[in-house]
């Protein structure tokens, strides 16, 4: 019984796909085009510039580093990220250093940060519609953080690892990805709508539809008679019984 229902469902899907394939593909292309146009002309591109740092638990670089020191350094890297995102005074120093007109709240919302696979290294990425301003702010972080973090934590050492670079391509939005998403959504939604319309349609079109719906054999046809002007009868089509 379950196999028959599964087979019937697959047949229904294939039937809808064959019947509506042209419409489904056309809608998919149309939605993809809409997504592409919105992405290209209505969404402001955002550029990203990243400053990278390395944290050492001990400020004495001549001593050997133990596993305990490495674990503490990883913890300091995570603490440094928390401080960068929540210290208003540090953010204000960065703003003053960068020369970019932006509030501390807006700056906090424009940065992303994290560690590299749980290592002692961490990064601060700055997002901005202007790549030059994104670079200026990232450079300010690169300059301010090595001195500011040890002053707040009172231990450890933050070293500059990799300076920020000017972004030549926007980090978002992704035109190709959004276009593909639009095409997939268009095809999926249109196919689902056509499938539901087909499944919920109880109209009888053929003798086979009548047999499938009621399971009874067709005994005969009763013709439909329509009266023309002048009183003459004309048989138009037959109703199945």
C-alpha atoms as a PDB file:
ATOM      1  CA  UNK A   1       0.000   0.000   0.000  1.00  0.00           C
ATOM      2  CA  UNK A   2       2.778   2.427   0.939  1.00  0.00           C
ATOM      3  CA  UNK A   3       4.702   1.517  -2.233  1.00  0.00           C
ATOM      4  CA  UNK A   4       1.640   2.318  -4.331  1.00  0.00           C
ATOM      5  CA  UNK A   5       1.201   5.683  -2.622  1.00  0.00           C
ATOM      6  CA  UNK A   6       4.876   6.494  -3.087  1.00  0.00           C
ATOM      7  CA  UNK A   7       4.705   5.518  -6.742  1.00  0.00           C
ATOM      8  CA  UNK A   8       1.580   7.637  -7.220  1.00  0.00           C
ATOM      9  CA  UNK A   9       3.303  10.640  -5.598  1.00  0.00           C
ATOM     10  CA  UNK A  10       6.346  10.236  -7.835  1.00  0.00           C
ATOM     11  CA  UNK A  11       4.134   9.969 -10.883  1.00  0.00           C
ATOM     12  CA  UNK A  12       2.318  13.132  -9.834  1.00  0.00           C
ATOM     13  CA  UNK A  13       5.619  14.962  -9.421  1.00  0.00           C
ATOM     14  CA  UNK A  14       6.856  13.821 -12.818  1.00  0.00           C
ATOM     15  CA  UNK A  15       3.552  14.753 -14.409  1.00  0.00           C
ATOM     16  CA  UNK A  16       3.688  18.283 -13.018  1.00  0.00           C
ATOM     17  CA  UNK A  17       7.351  18.600 -13.994  1.00  0.00           C
ATOM     18  CA  UNK A  18       6.664  17.560 -17.594  1.00  0.00           C
ATOM     19  CA  UNK A  19       3.571  19.719 -17.864  1.00  0.00           C
ATOM     20  CA  UNK A  20       4.963  22.879 -16.269  1.00  0.00           C
ATOM     21  CA  UNK A  21       8.702  22.645 -16.883  1.00  0.00           C
ATOM     22  CA  UNK A  22       8.758  25.651 -19.209  1.00  0.00           C
ATOM     23  CA  UNK A  23       6.870  27.840 -16.729  1.00  0.00           C
ATOM     24  CA  UNK A  24       9.010  26.662 -13.790  1.00  0.00           C
ATOM     25  CA  UNK A  25      12.267  27.452 -15.598  1.00  0.00           C
ATOM     26  CA  UNK A  26      10.963  30.800 -16.824  1.00  0.00           C
ATOM     27  CA  UNK A  27       9.949  31.815 -13.296  1.00  0.00           C
ATOM     28  CA  UNK A  28      13.318  30.647 -11.960  1.00  0.00           C
ATOM     29  CA  UNK A  29      15.152  32.810 -14.507  1.00  0.00           C
ATOM     30  CA  UNK A  30      12.895  35.794 -13.752  1.00  0.00           C
ATOM     31  CA  UNK A  31      13.415  35.566  -9.991  1.00  0.00           C
ATOM     32  CA  UNK A  32      17.184  35.121 -10.465  1.00  0.00           C
ATOM     33  CA  UNK A  33      17.220  38.261 -12.615  1.00  0.00           C
ATOM     34  CA  UNK A  34      15.301  40.205  -9.953  1.00  0.00           C
ATOM     35  CA  UNK A  35      17.747  39.066  -7.250  1.00  0.00           C
ATOM     36  CA  UNK A  36      20.693  40.022  -9.457  1.00  0.00           C
ATOM     37  CA  UNK A  37      19.294  43.515 -10.194  1.00  0.00           C
ATOM     38  CA  UNK A  38      18.472  44.157  -6.529  1.00  0.00           C
ATOM     39  CA  UNK A  39      21.952  43.016  -5.503  1.00  0.00           C
ATOM     40  CA  UNK A  40      23.703  45.081  -8.165  1.00  0.00           C
ATOM     41  CA  UNK A  41      21.744  48.346  -7.887  1.00  0.00           C
ATOM     42  CA  UNK A  42      19.876  48.493  -4.560  1.00  0.00           C
ATOM     43  CA  UNK A  43      22.259  46.942  -2.025  1.00  0.00           C
ATOM     44  CA  UNK A  44      25.228  49.074  -0.974  1.00  0.00           C
ATOM     45  CA  UNK A  45      28.491  47.131  -1.334  1.00  0.00           C
ATOM     46  CA  UNK A  46      30.548  46.726   1.823  1.00  0.00           C
ATOM     47  CA  UNK A  47      34.345  46.439   1.887  1.00  0.00           C
ATOM     48  CA  UNK A  48      36.348  44.726   4.611  1.00  0.00           C
ATOM     49  CA  UNK A  49      39.868  45.311   5.906  1.00  0.00           C
ATOM     50  CA  UNK A  50      41.455  43.059   8.532  1.00  0.00           C
ATOM     51  CA  UNK A  51      44.139  43.602  11.174  1.00  0.00           C
ATOM     52  CA  UNK A  52      45.782  40.490  12.673  1.00  0.00           C
ATOM     53  CA  UNK A  53      47.488  40.132  16.042  1.00  0.00           C
ATOM     54  CA  UNK A  54      49.366  37.587  18.116  1.00  0.00           C
ATOM     55  CA  UNK A  55      49.100  37.318  21.900  1.00  0.00           C
ATOM     56  CA  UNK A  56      51.894  36.130  24.193  1.00  0.00           C
ATOM     57  CA  UNK A  57      51.124  35.480  27.848  1.00  0.00           C
ATOM     58  CA  UNK A  58      54.582  36.594  28.973  1.00  0.00           C
ATOM     59  CA  UNK A  59      56.205  39.882  28.038  1.00  0.00           C
ATOM     60  CA  UNK A  60      59.654  38.336  28.428  1.00  0.00           C
ATOM     61  CA  UNK A  61      60.307  36.960  24.929  1.00  0.00           C
ATOM     62  CA  UNK A  62      63.614  35.338  25.986  1.00  0.00           C
ATOM     63  CA  UNK A  63      61.986  32.738  28.233  1.00  0.00           C
ATOM     64  CA  UNK A  64      60.686  29.459  26.889  1.00  0.00           C
ATOM     65  CA  UNK A  65      56.942  29.119  26.376  1.00  0.00           C
ATOM     66  CA  UNK A  66      55.194  26.317  28.258  1.00  0.00           C
ATOM     67  CA  UNK A  67      51.888  24.689  27.394  1.00  0.00           C
ATOM     68  CA  UNK A  68      50.372  26.591  30.304  1.00  0.00           C
ATOM     69  CA  UNK A  69      51.591  29.851  28.785  1.00  0.00           C
ATOM     70  CA  UNK A  70      50.081  28.894  25.423  1.00  0.00           C
ATOM     71  CA  UNK A  71      46.740  28.113  27.050  1.00  0.00           C
ATOM     72  CA  UNK A  72      46.849  31.439  28.861  1.00  0.00           C
ATOM     73  CA  UNK A  73      47.705  33.206  25.601  1.00  0.00           C
ATOM     74  CA  UNK A  74      44.666  31.696  23.912  1.00  0.00           C
ATOM     75  CA  UNK A  75      42.542  32.936  26.779  1.00  0.00           C
ATOM     76  CA  UNK A  76      44.122  36.391  26.467  1.00  0.00           C
ATOM     77  CA  UNK A  77      43.334  36.435  22.739  1.00  0.00           C
ATOM     78  CA  UNK A  78      39.658  35.815  23.509  1.00  0.00           C
ATOM     79  CA  UNK A  79      39.753  38.426  26.276  1.00  0.00           C
ATOM     80  CA  UNK A  80      41.339  40.928  23.885  1.00  0.00           C
ATOM     81  CA  UNK A  81      38.424  40.482  21.483  1.00  0.00           C
ATOM     82  CA  UNK A  82      35.921  41.118  24.271  1.00  0.00           C
ATOM     83  CA  UNK A  83      37.795  44.255  25.290  1.00  0.00           C
ATOM     84  CA  UNK A  84      38.014  45.591  21.741  1.00  0.00           C
ATOM     85  CA  UNK A  85      34.276  45.214  21.189  1.00  0.00           C
ATOM     86  CA  UNK A  86      33.182  46.583  24.575  1.00  0.00           C
ATOM     87  CA  UNK A  87      35.736  49.209  25.595  1.00  0.00           C
ATOM     88  CA  UNK A  88      34.342  52.594  24.578  1.00  0.00           C
ATOM     89  CA  UNK A  89      37.615  54.325  25.445  1.00  0.00           C
ATOM     90  CA  UNK A  90      39.579  51.995  23.177  1.00  0.00           C
ATOM     91  CA  UNK A  91      37.090  52.506  20.328  1.00  0.00           C
ATOM     92  CA  UNK A  92      37.345  56.268  20.765  1.00  0.00           C
ATOM     93  CA  UNK A  93      41.153  56.029  20.536  1.00  0.00           C
ATOM     94  CA  UNK A  94      40.777  54.084  17.304  1.00  0.00           C
ATOM     95  CA  UNK A  95      38.377  56.691  15.904  1.00  0.00           C
ATOM     96  CA  UNK A  96      40.761  59.519  16.776  1.00  0.00           C
ATOM     97  CA  UNK A  97      43.674  57.620  15.234  1.00  0.00           C
ATOM     98  CA  UNK A  98      41.789  56.817  12.027  1.00  0.00           C
ATOM     99  CA  UNK A  99      40.423  60.298  11.375  1.00  0.00           C
ATOM    100  CA  UNK A 100      37.132  58.780  10.200  1.00  0.00           C
ATOM    101  CA  UNK A 101      33.914  60.403  11.397  1.00  0.00           C
ATOM    102  CA  UNK A 102      32.042  57.570  13.073  1.00  0.00           C
ATOM    103  CA  UNK A 103      30.505  57.001  16.497  1.00  0.00           C
ATOM    104  CA  UNK A 104      31.787  54.370  18.903  1.00  0.00           C
ATOM    105  CA  UNK A 105      28.439  52.564  18.667  1.00  0.00           C
ATOM    106  CA  UNK A 106      28.558  52.512  14.873  1.00  0.00           C
ATOM    107  CA  UNK A 107      32.176  51.360  14.925  1.00  0.00           C
ATOM    108  CA  UNK A 108      31.312  48.526  17.294  1.00  0.00           C
ATOM    109  CA  UNK A 109      28.602  47.371  14.890  1.00  0.00           C
ATOM    110  CA  UNK A 110      30.956  47.491  11.911  1.00  0.00           C
ATOM    111  CA  UNK A 111      33.652  45.169  13.262  1.00  0.00           C
ATOM    112  CA  UNK A 112      33.845  41.396  13.360  1.00  0.00           C
ATOM    113  CA  UNK A 113      36.477  39.481  15.270  1.00  0.00           C
ATOM    114  CA  UNK A 114      37.640  36.020  16.227  1.00  0.00           C
ATOM    115  CA  UNK A 115      40.557  33.728  16.866  1.00  0.00           C
ATOM    116  CA  UNK A 116      42.223  31.447  14.350  1.00  0.00           C
ATOM    117  CA  UNK A 117      41.142  27.898  15.255  1.00  0.00           C
ATOM    118  CA  UNK A 118      41.664  28.456  18.967  1.00  0.00           C
ATOM    119  CA  UNK A 119      45.248  29.715  18.568  1.00  0.00           C
ATOM    120  CA  UNK A 120      46.901  32.697  20.196  1.00  0.00           C
ATOM    121  CA  UNK A 121      46.234  34.778  17.074  1.00  0.00           C
ATOM    122  CA  UNK A 122      43.135  36.907  16.603  1.00  0.00           C
ATOM    123  CA  UNK A 123      41.811  39.349  14.029  1.00  0.00           C
ATOM    124  CA  UNK A 124      39.710  42.504  13.858  1.00  0.00           C
ATOM    125  CA  UNK A 125      37.863  43.026  10.565  1.00  0.00           C
ATOM    126  CA  UNK A 126      36.304  46.390   9.741  1.00  0.00           C
ATOM    127  CA  UNK A 127      33.378  46.665   7.313  1.00  0.00           C
ATOM    128  CA  UNK A 128      32.574  49.959   5.582  1.00  0.00           C
ATOM    129  CA  UNK A 129      31.003  51.095   2.281  1.00  0.00           C
ATOM    130  CA  UNK A 130      34.195  53.078   1.593  1.00  0.00           C
ATOM    131  CA  UNK A 131      37.260  50.799   1.239  1.00  0.00           C
ATOM    132  CA  UNK A 132      39.612  53.669   2.114  1.00  0.00           C
ATOM    133  CA  UNK A 133      37.795  54.303   5.403  1.00  0.00           C
ATOM    134  CA  UNK A 134      37.688  50.593   6.187  1.00  0.00           C
ATOM    135  CA  UNK A 135      41.465  50.502   5.729  1.00  0.00           C
ATOM    136  CA  UNK A 136      41.994  53.647   7.840  1.00  0.00           C
ATOM    137  CA  UNK A 137      40.007  52.226  10.756  1.00  0.00           C
ATOM    138  CA  UNK A 138      41.703  48.818  10.504  1.00  0.00           C
ATOM    139  CA  UNK A 139      45.107  50.524  10.499  1.00  0.00           C
ATOM    140  CA  UNK A 140      44.053  52.449  13.606  1.00  0.00           C
ATOM    141  CA  UNK A 141      43.194  49.172  15.354  1.00  0.00           C
ATOM    142  CA  UNK A 142      46.539  47.782  14.192  1.00  0.00           C
ATOM    143  CA  UNK A 143      48.310  50.751  15.794  1.00  0.00           C
ATOM    144  CA  UNK A 144      46.267  51.134  19.007  1.00  0.00           C
ATOM    145  CA  UNK A 145      45.626  47.541  20.157  1.00  0.00           C
ATOM    146  CA  UNK A 146      49.242  46.431  20.930  1.00  0.00           C
ATOM    147  CA  UNK A 147      49.561  49.184  23.566  1.00  0.00           C
ATOM    148  CA  UNK A 148      45.955  49.395  24.759  1.00  0.00           C
ATOM    149  CA  UNK A 149      45.296  45.729  25.551  1.00  0.00           C
ATOM    150  CA  UNK A 150      48.280  45.150  27.924  1.00  0.00           C
ATOM    151  CA  UNK A 151      47.381  48.374  29.755  1.00  0.00           C
ATOM    152  CA  UNK A 152      43.849  47.089  30.388  1.00  0.00           C
ATOM    153  CA  UNK A 153      44.726  43.467  31.178  1.00  0.00           C
ATOM    154  CA  UNK A 154      47.995  44.371  32.970  1.00  0.00           C
ATOM    155  CA  UNK A 155      49.775  41.310  31.612  1.00  0.00           C
ATOM    156  CA  UNK A 156      50.770  39.627  28.398  1.00  0.00           C
ATOM    157  CA  UNK A 157      51.916  41.094  25.135  1.00  0.00           C
ATOM    158  CA  UNK A 158      50.009  41.786  21.898  1.00  0.00           C
ATOM    159  CA  UNK A 159      52.104  41.800  18.738  1.00  0.00           C
ATOM    160  CA  UNK A 160      51.204  43.014  15.274  1.00  0.00           C
ATOM    161  CA  UNK A 161      51.033  39.995  12.999  1.00  0.00           C
ATOM    162  CA  UNK A 162      49.703  41.117   9.623  1.00  0.00           C
ATOM    163  CA  UNK A 163      48.788  44.701   8.634  1.00  0.00           C
ATOM    164  CA  UNK A 164      45.442  45.533   6.966  1.00  0.00           C
ATOM    165  CA  UNK A 165      45.218  45.803   3.196  1.00  0.00           C
ATOM    166  CA  UNK A 166      43.011  47.880   0.942  1.00  0.00           C
ATOM    167  CA  UNK A 167      40.040  45.839  -0.289  1.00  0.00           C
ATOM    168  CA  UNK A 168      39.704  45.874  -4.080  1.00  0.00           C
ATOM    169  CA  UNK A 169      36.490  43.835  -4.184  1.00  0.00           C
ATOM    170  CA  UNK A 170      33.412  44.204  -1.958  1.00  0.00           C
ATOM    171  CA  UNK A 171      33.038  41.613   0.758  1.00  0.00           C
ATOM    172  CA  UNK A 172      29.273  41.729   0.366  1.00  0.00           C
ATOM    173  CA  UNK A 173      26.832  41.373  -1.253  1.00  0.00           C
ATOM    174  CA  UNK A 174      27.775  38.346  -3.353  1.00  0.00           C
ATOM    175  CA  UNK A 175      26.169  38.844  -6.771  1.00  0.00           C
ATOM    176  CA  UNK A 176      26.687  35.279  -7.997  1.00  0.00           C
ATOM    177  CA  UNK A 177      25.480  33.687  -4.757  1.00  0.00           C
ATOM    178  CA  UNK A 178      22.369  35.868  -4.571  1.00  0.00           C
ATOM    179  CA  UNK A 179      21.542  35.148  -8.216  1.00  0.00           C
ATOM    180  CA  UNK A 180      21.826  31.396  -7.647  1.00  0.00           C
ATOM    181  CA  UNK A 181      19.674  31.669  -4.514  1.00  0.00           C
ATOM    182  CA  UNK A 182      17.047  33.573  -6.512  1.00  0.00           C
ATOM    183  CA  UNK A 183      17.010  30.935  -9.244  1.00  0.00           C
ATOM    184  CA  UNK A 184      16.674  28.079  -6.746  1.00  0.00           C
ATOM    185  CA  UNK A 185      13.896  29.841  -4.834  1.00  0.00           C
ATOM    186  CA  UNK A 186      12.041  30.697  -8.033  1.00  0.00           C
ATOM    187  CA  UNK A 187      12.160  27.131  -9.329  1.00  0.00           C
ATOM    188  CA  UNK A 188      11.292  25.553  -5.962  1.00  0.00           C
ATOM    189  CA  UNK A 189       8.387  27.859  -5.101  1.00  0.00           C
ATOM    190  CA  UNK A 190       6.869  27.813  -8.595  1.00  0.00           C
ATOM    191  CA  UNK A 191       7.100  24.025  -8.777  1.00  0.00           C
ATOM    192  CA  UNK A 192       5.465  23.718  -5.352  1.00  0.00           C
ATOM    193  CA  UNK A 193       2.627  26.036  -6.388  1.00  0.00           C
ATOM    194  CA  UNK A 194       2.005  24.155  -9.649  1.00  0.00           C
ATOM    195  CA  UNK A 195       2.134  20.837  -7.812  1.00  0.00           C
ATOM    196  CA  UNK A 196      -0.409  21.949  -5.217  1.00  0.00           C
ATOM    197  CA  UNK A 197      -2.699  23.339  -7.918  1.00  0.00           C
ATOM    198  CA  UNK A 198      -2.492  20.045  -9.780  1.00  0.00           C
ATOM    199  CA  UNK A 199      -3.072  17.905  -6.692  1.00  0.00           C
ATOM    200  CA  UNK A 200      -5.998  19.995  -5.431  1.00  0.00           C
ATOM    201  CA  UNK A 201      -7.659  20.179  -8.857  1.00  0.00           C
ATOM    202  CA  UNK A 202     -10.658  17.800  -8.803  1.00  0.00           C
ATOM    203  CA  UNK A 203     -11.915  18.718 -12.264  1.00  0.00           C
ATOM    204  CA  UNK A 204     -12.745  15.742 -14.518  1.00  0.00           C
ATOM    205  CA  UNK A 205     -11.210  16.184 -17.952  1.00  0.00           C
ATOM    206  CA  UNK A 206     -11.094  12.691 -19.469  1.00  0.00           C
ATOM    207  CA  UNK A 207     -12.704   9.296 -19.106  1.00  0.00           C
ATOM    208  CA  UNK A 208      -9.538   8.094 -17.391  1.00  0.00           C
ATOM    209  CA  UNK A 209      -9.910  10.845 -14.761  1.00  0.00           C
ATOM    210  CA  UNK A 210     -13.428   9.591 -14.082  1.00  0.00           C
ATOM    211  CA  UNK A 211     -12.280   5.994 -13.710  1.00  0.00           C
ATOM    212  CA  UNK A 212      -9.394   6.961 -11.435  1.00  0.00           C
ATOM    213  CA  UNK A 213     -11.581   9.141  -9.203  1.00  0.00           C
ATOM    214  CA  UNK A 214     -14.589   6.829  -8.705  1.00  0.00           C
ATOM    215  CA  UNK A 215     -13.322   3.406  -9.731  1.00  0.00           C
ATOM    216  CA  UNK A 216     -16.425   2.557 -11.768  1.00  0.00           C
ATOM    217  CA  UNK A 217     -16.564   1.586 -15.440  1.00  0.00           C
ATOM    218  CA  UNK A 218     -18.069   4.065 -17.901  1.00  0.00           C
ATOM    219  CA  UNK A 219     -21.393   2.758 -19.252  1.00  0.00           C
ATOM    220  CA  UNK A 220     -22.095   5.454 -21.816  1.00  0.00           C
ATOM    221  CA  UNK A 221     -22.050   9.120 -22.765  1.00  0.00           C
ATOM    222  CA  UNK A 222     -24.931  11.587 -22.556  1.00  0.00           C
ATOM    223  CA  UNK A 223     -24.501  14.282 -25.217  1.00  0.00           C
ATOM    224  CA  UNK A 224     -24.928  17.918 -24.252  1.00  0.00           C
ATOM    225  CA  UNK A 225     -27.544  19.613 -26.417  1.00  0.00           C
ATOM    226  CA  UNK A 226     -27.581  23.368 -26.958  1.00  0.00           C
ATOM    227  CA  UNK A 227     -30.297  25.220 -28.835  1.00  0.00           C
ATOM    228  CA  UNK A 228     -29.151  27.485 -31.637  1.00  0.00           C
ATOM    229  CA  UNK A 229     -31.027  30.537 -32.844  1.00  0.00           C
ATOM    230  CA  UNK A 230     -33.864  29.404 -35.046  1.00  0.00           C
ATOM    231  CA  UNK A 231     -34.767  26.468 -32.818  1.00  0.00           C
ATOM    232  CA  UNK A 232     -32.344  23.915 -34.206  1.00  0.00           C
ATOM    233  CA  UNK A 233     -30.565  21.653 -31.768  1.00  0.00           C
ATOM    234  CA  UNK A 234     -26.821  21.200 -31.883  1.00  0.00           C
ATOM    235  CA  UNK A 235     -24.753  18.595 -30.031  1.00  0.00           C
ATOM    236  CA  UNK A 236     -21.694  20.223 -28.581  1.00  0.00           C
ATOM    237  CA  UNK A 237     -20.027  17.648 -26.364  1.00  0.00           C
ATOM    238  CA  UNK A 238     -20.781  14.561 -24.370  1.00  0.00           C
ATOM    239  CA  UNK A 239     -21.086  14.219 -20.582  1.00  0.00           C
ATOM    240  CA  UNK A 240     -19.757  10.983 -19.180  1.00  0.00           C
ATOM    241  CA  UNK A 241     -21.864   8.836 -16.846  1.00  0.00           C
END
